[in-house]
Amino acid sequence: MNPFCLRMILLFALIFCWCRPAGCQGIVTGEVIDSISGKPVEGASIYFNGLQSGTTTSVKGFFTIEVPVQPQLLIISATGYQTVSLRTNEIPGNDHRLLIKMAARNNDLDMVTVHALTYKVVNSRSWRKKFTDYFIGSGENAADCSILNFEDIILKVAAGENLLKAQAAKTIEIVNNALGYKIYFDMEDCVINFAEKTFVNVGYARFEDISNGSHKFKKRRKEVYFGSLPHFLKALYNNTLQANGFEVRHATVKENTERARVKQLMKEKKVRLNIAAEMLRIGESPPDSSLYYYRVYIKGKDKVIQCDSSLLKAEDVFITDLEVMKELYFEHYLMVTYKHKRINKLRQPLSLPGLDLNSDFQNALLSLKDNNSVFIFPNGGVSPARVLITQGYWSSAGAIQNLLPYDYE
């Protein structure tokens, strides 16, 4: 992972998988039991990830749920148990019943060693705020979001305090009064790396609409959706990028060799800055002026983004079309610009430190982790979610403050 840029890895794992033929639609019944005792698990949550519908198991552990038209991931969660996820091709037809065996969850506390790092539990206000700033976000909608059961979230910090891990003993309940949703989030893995400024959050979400049809929520949802990552992925899937205001270019990130050269001159003390005098100079600063060195060395960037002039089409980045999903692959980076909405340059997220990016429009940089491909689905889903890395305007797109259900229209 390149340390020069802030990366928000969008890992809310709203993953979509292979869909069965039309027979996968309909009603699914099942039973949820303890994997050891065989006793029924009452009150387990049953839902399709990223949607607004769900149910719970009865006293005897039984449930019935409708299967959506588009491919989804069926989630089974219960307090004290590890969350179970099933692909739609693993769901039997109407004449079969699912038997779900749930294993107990191990929520280790106090001091614990993971991958040679020792973590300790923290619960101070400052650590809770650091976690919330990443998990909820820090944008305009964050102030209207609240976690109802923060006491069920366990925060652990590694020695050196550069890594913060979060676990949840129960389903996290969040009220987003900005968008009119109550979100039930089953956290699987959450790590904040403060040194590299990365956020990894794997989990599953179910939405409950609490807007009561209010127009203000519809307006806010619309504002959040247009220009968002799901909006872009849907437009990319349907090959309607231009109509939806997106421009996509192939991009590379390269070293700023001129800054490196000037830095070496400064180190050798061959240049002495006299900014006060140079500020009076009119026009461009010549290469031998101290102001030039100031602009290149002090104000310059270690890395620069170089974009191709030609626009890409969906067919340029999709390498396989499997009808229910398409395989996305590209080398280096994709620069995505949304042209239907201007933004204040001062509000362009500071998520590309060391990169020269200046625009009146929102820009985002996409890359593929370890040069792997990802699958994109008609409703904007990504699988595997951790492969698609976003920087720039979408660096905080996965935060709860702007999270919308996949069946949002």
Protein backbone atom coordinates (compact mmCIF):
# COMPACT_ATOMS: atom_id res chain seq x y z
CA MET A 1 0.00 0.00 0.00
CA ASN A 2 1.43 3.35 -1.00
CA PRO A 3 1.95 5.50 2.11
CA PHE A 4 1.84 8.78 0.21
CA CYS A 5 -1.90 8.91 -0.15
CA LEU A 6 -4.85 8.70 2.14
CA ARG A 7 -6.93 5.72 1.28
CA MET A 8 -10.34 4.90 2.51
CA ILE A 9 -10.93 1.30 1.64
CA LEU A 10 -14.64 0.96 1.20
CA LEU A 11 -15.29 -2.27 2.99
CA PHE A 12 -18.81 -2.19 4.21
CA ALA A 13 -18.87 -5.50 2.33
CA LEU A 14 -22.16 -4.84 0.60
CA ILE A 15 -21.13 -7.83 -1.49
CA PHE A 16 -23.17 -9.31 -4.27
CA CYS A 17 -22.53 -12.81 -5.50
CA TRP A 18 -23.60 -15.30 -8.16
CA CYS A 19 -27.33 -15.38 -8.64
CA ARG A 20 -29.21 -18.53 -9.35
CA PRO A 21 -31.64 -18.61 -12.26
CA ALA A 22 -35.11 -17.16 -11.90
CA GLY A 23 -35.90 -19.95 -9.41
CA CYS A 24 -33.90 -18.15 -6.72
CA GLN A 25 -36.74 -15.62 -6.39
CA GLY A 26 -39.58 -16.51 -4.05
CA ILE A 27 -39.85 -17.56 -0.42
CA VAL A 28 -37.11 -19.17 1.65
CA THR A 29 -37.73 -20.88 4.97
CA GLY A 30 -35.14 -22.06 7.43
CA GLU A 31 -34.12 -22.99 10.93
CA VAL A 32 -31.29 -21.52 13.01
CA ILE A 33 -29.67 -23.63 15.73
CA ASP A 34 -26.63 -23.56 18.01
CA SER A 35 -23.79 -25.51 16.35
CA ILE A 36 -22.86 -27.26 19.62
CA SER A 37 -26.08 -27.84 21.53
CA GLY A 38 -28.45 -28.00 18.57
CA LYS A 39 -30.90 -25.77 20.42
CA PRO A 40 -32.88 -23.18 18.43
CA VAL A 41 -31.55 -19.62 18.29
CA GLU A 42 -34.44 -17.27 19.02
CA GLY A 43 -34.46 -13.68 17.75
CA ALA A 44 -31.69 -14.08 15.17
CA SER A 45 -31.78 -11.40 12.47
CA ILE A 46 -32.32 -12.64 8.91
CA TYR A 47 -31.86 -10.13 6.09
CA PHE A 48 -30.37 -9.53 2.67
CA ASN A 49 -27.32 -7.32 2.89
CA GLY A 50 -27.75 -3.65 2.05
CA LEU A 51 -31.54 -3.76 1.71
CA GLN A 52 -34.51 -2.56 3.74
CA SER A 53 -36.21 -5.86 4.47
CA GLY A 54 -35.58 -8.55 7.04
CA THR A 55 -37.09 -10.81 9.69
CA THR A 56 -36.19 -12.61 12.93
CA THR A 57 -36.36 -16.23 14.03
CA SER A 58 -39.19 -17.53 16.18
CA VAL A 59 -38.92 -19.14 19.61
CA LYS A 60 -38.18 -22.41 17.85
CA GLY A 61 -35.60 -20.82 15.55
CA PHE A 62 -37.68 -20.82 12.36
CA PHE A 63 -37.90 -18.03 9.79
CA THR A 64 -39.42 -17.17 6.42
CA ILE A 65 -38.09 -14.48 4.09
CA GLU A 66 -38.67 -13.34 0.52
CA VAL A 67 -35.72 -13.55 -1.87
CA PRO A 68 -35.13 -10.32 -3.84
CA VAL A 69 -34.98 -10.21 -7.61
CA GLN A 70 -31.34 -9.15 -7.87
CA PRO A 71 -28.50 -11.24 -6.40
CA GLN A 72 -27.84 -10.54 -2.75
CA LEU A 73 -26.04 -11.97 0.26
CA LEU A 74 -28.26 -13.54 2.93
CA ILE A 75 -27.09 -12.60 6.43
CA ILE A 76 -27.90 -14.42 9.67
CA SER A 77 -26.75 -12.67 12.85
CA ALA A 78 -27.45 -13.16 16.55
CA THR A 79 -25.97 -11.82 19.76
CA GLY A 80 -23.11 -14.01 20.97
CA TYR A 81 -22.69 -15.81 17.64
CA GLN A 82 -20.52 -15.42 14.57
CA THR A 83 -22.42 -13.91 11.65
CA VAL A 84 -23.29 -16.32 8.83
CA SER A 85 -23.50 -15.22 5.18
CA LEU A 86 -24.87 -17.22 2.27
CA ARG A 87 -24.63 -16.55 -1.44
CA THR A 88 -27.88 -16.74 -3.35
CA ASN A 89 -26.69 -19.85 -5.20
CA GLU A 90 -26.40 -21.54 -1.80
CA ILE A 91 -30.06 -20.89 -1.03
CA PRO A 92 -32.31 -23.88 -1.82
CA GLY A 93 -35.55 -23.68 -3.74
CA ASN A 94 -39.00 -23.40 -2.21
CA ASP A 95 -39.18 -27.13 -1.52
CA HIS A 96 -36.14 -27.14 0.77
CA ARG A 97 -35.48 -25.62 4.19
CA LEU A 98 -32.22 -23.99 5.22
CA LEU A 99 -30.50 -25.31 8.32
CA ILE A 100 -28.17 -22.68 9.77
CA LYS A 101 -25.72 -23.75 12.48
CA MET A 102 -24.28 -20.78 14.36
CA ALA A 103 -20.97 -20.90 16.23
CA ALA A 104 -20.31 -18.87 19.37
CA ARG A 105 -18.43 -15.59 18.97
CA ASN A 106 -15.21 -15.07 20.93
CA ASN A 107 -14.96 -11.44 22.02
CA ASP A 108 -11.54 -11.31 23.66
CA LEU A 109 -10.97 -8.40 26.01
CA ASP A 110 -8.09 -6.68 27.78
CA MET A 111 -4.64 -7.45 26.33
CA VAL A 112 -4.53 -9.57 23.18
CA THR A 113 -1.82 -10.29 20.62
CA VAL A 114 -2.77 -10.31 16.93
CA HIS A 115 -0.16 -10.82 14.20
CA ALA A 116 2.66 -10.07 16.68
CA LEU A 117 0.99 -6.80 17.74
CA THR A 118 -0.26 -6.37 21.29
CA TYR A 119 -3.58 -4.57 21.66
CA LYS A 120 -5.15 -3.13 24.79
CA VAL A 121 -8.76 -2.14 25.32
CA VAL A 122 -9.41 1.62 25.39
CA ASN A 123 -12.61 3.47 26.20
CA SER A 124 -11.67 7.11 26.61
CA ARG A 125 -13.63 9.90 24.97
CA SER A 126 -10.72 10.72 22.66
CA TRP A 127 -10.46 7.16 21.30
CA ARG A 128 -14.22 6.94 20.86
CA LYS A 129 -14.12 10.18 18.86
CA LYS A 130 -11.27 8.91 16.66
CA PHE A 131 -13.26 5.78 15.89
CA THR A 132 -16.46 7.72 15.25
CA ASP A 133 -14.73 10.16 12.88
CA TYR A 134 -13.87 7.22 10.62
CA PHE A 135 -16.85 4.92 11.16
CA ILE A 136 -19.59 7.57 11.04
CA GLY A 137 -17.58 10.15 9.12
CA SER A 138 -16.86 13.82 9.69
CA GLY A 139 -18.90 15.48 6.94
CA GLU A 140 -22.09 17.51 7.05
CA ASN A 141 -24.36 14.56 7.84
CA ALA A 142 -22.20 13.16 10.64
CA ALA A 143 -23.64 15.49 13.28
CA ASP A 144 -27.08 13.98 12.69
CA CYS A 145 -25.87 10.40 13.15
CA SER A 146 -25.70 8.61 16.48
CA ILE A 147 -24.70 5.14 17.63
CA LEU A 148 -27.37 3.89 20.02
CA ASN A 149 -25.37 1.09 21.65
CA PHE A 150 -21.76 2.28 21.76
CA GLU A 151 -21.31 0.17 24.90
CA ASP A 152 -21.36 -2.93 22.68
CA ILE A 153 -18.35 -1.72 20.66
CA ILE A 154 -14.93 -2.79 21.92
CA LEU A 155 -11.99 -0.59 20.92
CA LYS A 156 -8.43 -1.90 21.05
CA VAL A 157 -5.30 0.06 20.29
CA ALA A 158 -1.95 -1.44 19.32
CA ALA A 159 1.35 -0.54 20.93
CA GLY A 160 2.50 2.73 19.42
CA GLU A 161 -1.15 3.78 19.01
CA ASN A 162 -1.05 3.73 15.21
CA LEU A 163 -3.63 0.94 14.85
CA LEU A 164 -7.14 0.91 16.27
CA LYS A 165 -9.32 -2.20 16.01
CA ALA A 166 -13.04 -2.32 16.71
CA GLN A 167 -15.26 -5.27 17.54
CA ALA A 168 -18.95 -5.39 18.30
CA ALA A 169 -20.52 -7.84 20.71
CA LYS A 170 -23.94 -7.10 19.23
CA THR A 171 -25.44 -5.61 16.10
CA ILE A 172 -24.57 -1.91 16.02
CA GLU A 173 -27.65 0.30 15.79
CA ILE A 174 -27.18 3.70 14.16
CA VAL A 175 -29.76 6.41 13.59
CA ASN A 176 -29.04 8.66 10.63
CA ASN A 177 -31.38 11.60 11.08
CA ALA A 178 -29.82 13.33 8.09
CA LEU A 179 -30.99 10.68 5.60
CA GLY A 180 -33.90 9.19 7.54
CA TYR A 181 -32.59 5.67 8.13
CA LYS A 182 -31.98 3.42 11.07
CA ILE A 183 -29.10 1.12 10.21
CA TYR A 184 -28.39 -2.26 11.77
CA PHE A 185 -24.73 -3.03 11.15
CA ASP A 186 -23.09 -6.38 11.87
CA MET A 187 -19.38 -5.61 12.12
CA GLU A 188 -16.95 -8.30 11.05
CA ASP A 189 -13.60 -6.52 10.87
CA CYS A 190 -12.71 -2.90 11.52
CA VAL A 191 -9.16 -1.49 11.56
CA ILE A 192 -8.00 2.12 11.44
CA ASN A 193 -4.36 2.72 10.53
CA PHE A 194 -3.51 6.25 11.63
CA ALA A 195 0.01 6.10 10.19
CA GLU A 196 -1.19 5.28 6.67
CA LYS A 197 -4.57 6.97 7.15
CA THR A 198 -6.50 3.91 6.00
CA PHE A 199 -9.84 2.57 7.18
CA VAL A 200 -10.92 -1.05 6.70
CA ASN A 201 -14.47 -1.86 7.71
CA VAL A 202 -16.05 -5.18 6.82
CA GLY A 203 -19.63 -5.82 7.82
CA TYR A 204 -23.24 -6.16 6.74
CA ALA A 205 -26.02 -3.57 6.85
CA ARG A 206 -29.80 -3.63 7.02
CA PHE A 207 -31.78 -0.42 6.61
CA GLU A 208 -35.04 0.73 8.19
CA ASP A 209 -36.73 3.76 6.65
CA ILE A 210 -37.69 6.26 9.38
CA SER A 211 -38.34 9.20 7.06
CA ASN A 212 -42.15 8.89 7.06
CA GLY A 213 -42.01 9.96 3.43
CA SER A 214 -40.70 13.43 4.30
CA HIS A 215 -39.60 15.45 1.29
CA LYS A 216 -36.51 16.79 3.08
CA PHE A 217 -35.08 13.28 3.41
CA LYS A 218 -35.75 12.51 -0.23
CA LYS A 219 -33.88 15.68 -1.15
CA ARG A 220 -30.90 14.85 1.07
CA ARG A 221 -30.72 11.27 -0.21
CA LYS A 222 -30.72 12.57 -3.75
CA GLU A 223 -27.89 14.98 -2.94
CA VAL A 224 -25.84 12.18 -1.40
CA TYR A 225 -26.51 9.69 -4.17
CA PHE A 226 -25.71 11.76 -7.24
CA GLY A 227 -21.98 11.75 -7.80
CA SER A 228 -21.45 8.94 -5.27
CA LEU A 229 -19.52 5.73 -5.84
CA PRO A 230 -22.72 3.60 -6.19
CA HIS A 231 -24.05 6.14 -8.71
CA PHE A 232 -20.84 5.85 -10.72
CA LEU A 233 -20.77 2.05 -10.59
CA LYS A 234 -24.37 1.81 -11.78
CA ALA A 235 -23.63 4.20 -14.64
CA LEU A 236 -20.50 2.22 -15.50
CA TYR A 237 -22.41 -1.06 -15.47
CA ASN A 238 -25.14 0.34 -17.74
CA ASN A 239 -22.65 2.14 -20.01
CA THR A 240 -24.28 5.52 -19.33
CA LEU A 241 -21.29 7.41 -17.94
CA GLN A 242 -21.66 10.55 -20.05
CA ALA A 243 -25.41 10.83 -19.49
CA ASN A 244 -24.82 10.64 -15.74
CA GLY A 245 -22.08 13.27 -15.76
CA PHE A 246 -19.01 11.08 -15.28
CA GLU A 247 -15.71 11.33 -17.12
CA VAL A 248 -13.22 8.50 -16.73
CA ARG A 249 -9.57 8.64 -17.71
CA HIS A 250 -6.64 6.32 -17.28
CA ALA A 251 -4.16 7.81 -14.81
CA THR A 252 -0.73 7.17 -13.39
CA VAL A 253 0.91 8.53 -10.27
CA LYS A 254 4.55 9.46 -10.73
CA GLU A 255 7.37 10.97 -8.76
CA ASN A 256 7.80 14.72 -9.03
CA THR A 257 11.40 14.56 -10.22
CA GLU A 258 11.82 18.34 -10.24
CA ARG A 259 10.92 18.53 -6.56
CA ALA A 260 13.40 15.77 -5.79
CA ARG A 261 16.13 17.69 -7.64
CA VAL A 262 15.36 20.92 -5.80
CA LYS A 263 15.21 19.08 -2.50
CA GLN A 264 18.74 17.82 -3.08
CA LEU A 265 19.96 21.34 -3.86
CA MET A 266 18.39 22.58 -0.65
CA LYS A 267 20.06 19.77 1.24
CA GLU A 268 23.43 20.72 -0.23
CA LYS A 269 22.69 24.36 0.69
CA LYS A 270 23.30 25.50 -2.87
CA VAL A 271 20.14 27.59 -2.72
CA ARG A 272 19.23 30.07 -0.01
CA LEU A 273 15.64 31.22 0.25
CA ASN A 274 14.86 34.92 0.32
CA ILE A 275 11.09 34.80 0.13
CA ALA A 276 10.50 38.40 1.21
CA ALA A 277 12.47 39.73 -1.74
CA GLU A 278 11.14 37.23 -4.24
CA MET A 279 7.51 37.94 -3.36
CA LEU A 280 7.95 41.34 -5.03
CA ARG A 281 8.86 39.68 -8.32
CA ILE A 282 6.25 40.06 -11.05
CA GLY A 283 5.33 37.19 -13.34
CA GLU A 284 6.68 33.66 -13.41
CA SER A 285 9.56 32.78 -11.14
CA PRO A 286 12.67 31.89 -13.16
CA PRO A 287 14.34 28.54 -12.35
CA ASP A 288 17.25 30.26 -10.63
CA SER A 289 15.13 32.27 -8.21
CA SER A 290 14.62 31.36 -4.58
CA LEU A 291 10.87 31.81 -4.98
CA TYR A 292 10.89 29.12 -7.65
CA TYR A 293 12.60 26.78 -5.22
CA TYR A 294 10.11 27.76 -2.55
CA ARG A 295 7.19 26.91 -4.79
CA VAL A 296 8.68 23.64 -5.98
CA TYR A 297 10.15 22.41 -2.71
CA ILE A 298 8.00 23.87 0.05
CA LYS A 299 4.66 24.04 -1.72
CA GLY A 300 5.19 21.28 -4.26
CA LYS A 301 4.06 17.66 -4.13
CA ASP A 302 6.08 14.45 -3.99
CA LYS A 303 3.71 12.77 -6.41
CA VAL A 304 1.80 14.05 -9.41
CA ILE A 305 -1.21 12.57 -11.18
CA GLN A 306 -0.92 12.30 -14.94
CA CYS A 307 -4.17 11.62 -16.78
CA ASP A 308 -4.69 10.59 -20.39
CA SER A 309 -6.62 13.10 -22.47
CA SER A 310 -8.94 10.51 -24.00
CA LEU A 311 -12.09 9.44 -22.16
CA LEU A 312 -12.68 5.79 -21.36
CA LYS A 313 -15.89 3.88 -22.01
CA ALA A 314 -17.33 1.02 -19.99
CA GLU A 315 -16.13 -1.45 -22.61
CA ASP A 316 -12.56 -0.29 -22.00
CA VAL A 317 -12.53 -1.50 -18.38
CA PHE A 318 -14.95 -4.44 -18.34
CA ILE A 319 -13.23 -7.65 -19.38
CA THR A 320 -16.09 -10.11 -18.79
CA ASP A 321 -19.88 -9.84 -18.97
CA LEU A 322 -21.64 -12.61 -17.04
CA GLU A 323 -25.16 -11.16 -17.44
CA VAL A 324 -25.76 -10.76 -13.70
CA MET A 325 -22.38 -9.10 -13.11
CA LYS A 326 -19.41 -7.69 -15.00
CA GLU A 327 -15.72 -8.09 -14.28
CA LEU A 328 -13.78 -4.84 -13.90
CA TYR A 329 -10.04 -4.61 -14.46
CA PHE A 330 -7.62 -1.79 -15.22
CA GLU A 331 -3.97 -1.01 -14.65
CA HIS A 332 -2.64 1.78 -12.46
CA TYR A 333 -5.53 4.16 -11.72
CA LEU A 334 -8.81 5.52 -13.01
CA MET A 335 -9.48 9.21 -12.53
CA VAL A 336 -13.24 9.77 -12.22
CA THR A 337 -14.60 13.31 -12.53
CA TYR A 338 -18.24 14.18 -11.85
CA LYS A 339 -19.21 17.12 -14.04
CA HIS A 340 -22.82 17.68 -13.02
CA LYS A 341 -21.95 19.46 -9.80
CA ARG A 342 -19.31 22.04 -9.02
CA ILE A 343 -17.69 22.07 -5.60
CA ASN A 344 -15.73 24.54 -3.57
CA LYS A 345 -12.03 23.74 -3.95
CA LEU A 346 -11.63 24.19 -0.22
CA ARG A 347 -14.13 21.35 0.29
CA GLN A 348 -12.25 18.93 -1.94
CA PRO A 349 -11.29 16.25 0.60
CA LEU A 350 -7.65 16.37 1.66
CA SER A 351 -7.31 12.71 0.82
CA LEU A 352 -4.51 12.84 -1.68
CA PRO A 353 -1.60 14.29 0.29
CA GLY A 354 1.48 14.58 -1.87
CA LEU A 355 -0.60 14.55 -5.05
CA ASP A 356 -1.25 17.55 -7.23
CA LEU A 357 -5.02 17.70 -7.71
CA ASN A 358 -6.85 20.95 -8.31
CA SER A 359 -10.33 21.12 -9.78
CA ASP A 360 -13.72 22.77 -9.47
CA PHE A 361 -15.32 19.35 -9.87
CA GLN A 362 -15.17 16.38 -7.56
CA ASN A 363 -12.40 13.95 -8.46
CA ALA A 364 -11.80 10.43 -7.27
CA LEU A 365 -8.97 8.03 -7.94
CA LEU A 366 -9.71 4.29 -8.19
CA SER A 367 -7.20 1.47 -7.99
CA LEU A 368 -7.29 -2.31 -7.61
CA LYS A 369 -5.52 -3.88 -4.67
CA ASP A 370 -2.74 -6.29 -5.65
CA ASN A 371 -3.71 -5.88 -9.31
CA ASN A 372 -6.82 -8.05 -8.87
CA SER A 373 -10.10 -7.66 -10.71
CA VAL A 374 -13.51 -7.04 -9.11
CA PHE A 375 -17.09 -7.84 -10.08
CA ILE A 376 -19.63 -5.03 -10.43
CA PHE A 377 -23.37 -5.65 -10.13
CA PRO A 378 -26.33 -3.76 -11.63
CA ASN A 379 -27.19 -2.02 -8.35
CA GLY A 380 -23.64 -0.78 -7.69
CA GLY A 381 -22.43 -3.69 -5.59
CA VAL A 382 -18.78 -4.76 -5.59
CA SER A 383 -17.23 -8.15 -4.91
CA PRO A 384 -14.77 -8.58 -3.35
CA ALA A 385 -15.25 -5.16 -1.80
CA ARG A 386 -11.79 -4.88 -0.28
CA VAL A 387 -10.13 -4.96 -3.73
CA LEU A 388 -11.58 -1.66 -4.98
CA ILE A 389 -9.66 1.19 -3.35
CA THR A 390 -10.89 4.76 -3.51
CA GLN A 391 -9.05 8.01 -2.95
CA GLY A 392 -10.01 11.62 -3.33
CA TYR A 393 -13.64 12.66 -3.12
CA TRP A 394 -14.83 9.11 -2.42
CA SER A 395 -12.26 8.45 0.29
CA SER A 396 -15.00 8.75 2.93
CA ALA A 397 -17.83 7.43 0.77
CA GLY A 398 -18.17 4.30 2.88
CA ALA A 399 -18.81 6.16 6.11
CA ILE A 400 -22.20 5.63 7.74
CA GLN A 401 -23.15 9.29 7.31
CA ASN A 402 -23.70 8.83 3.55
CA LEU A 403 -24.64 5.15 3.39
CA LEU A 404 -27.71 4.37 1.29
CA PRO A 405 -29.42 1.01 0.75
CA TYR A 406 -28.78 -0.76 -2.52
CA ASP A 407 -32.46 -0.63 -3.42
CA TYR A 408 -32.45 3.15 -3.13
CA GLU A 409 -34.07 4.77 -6.15
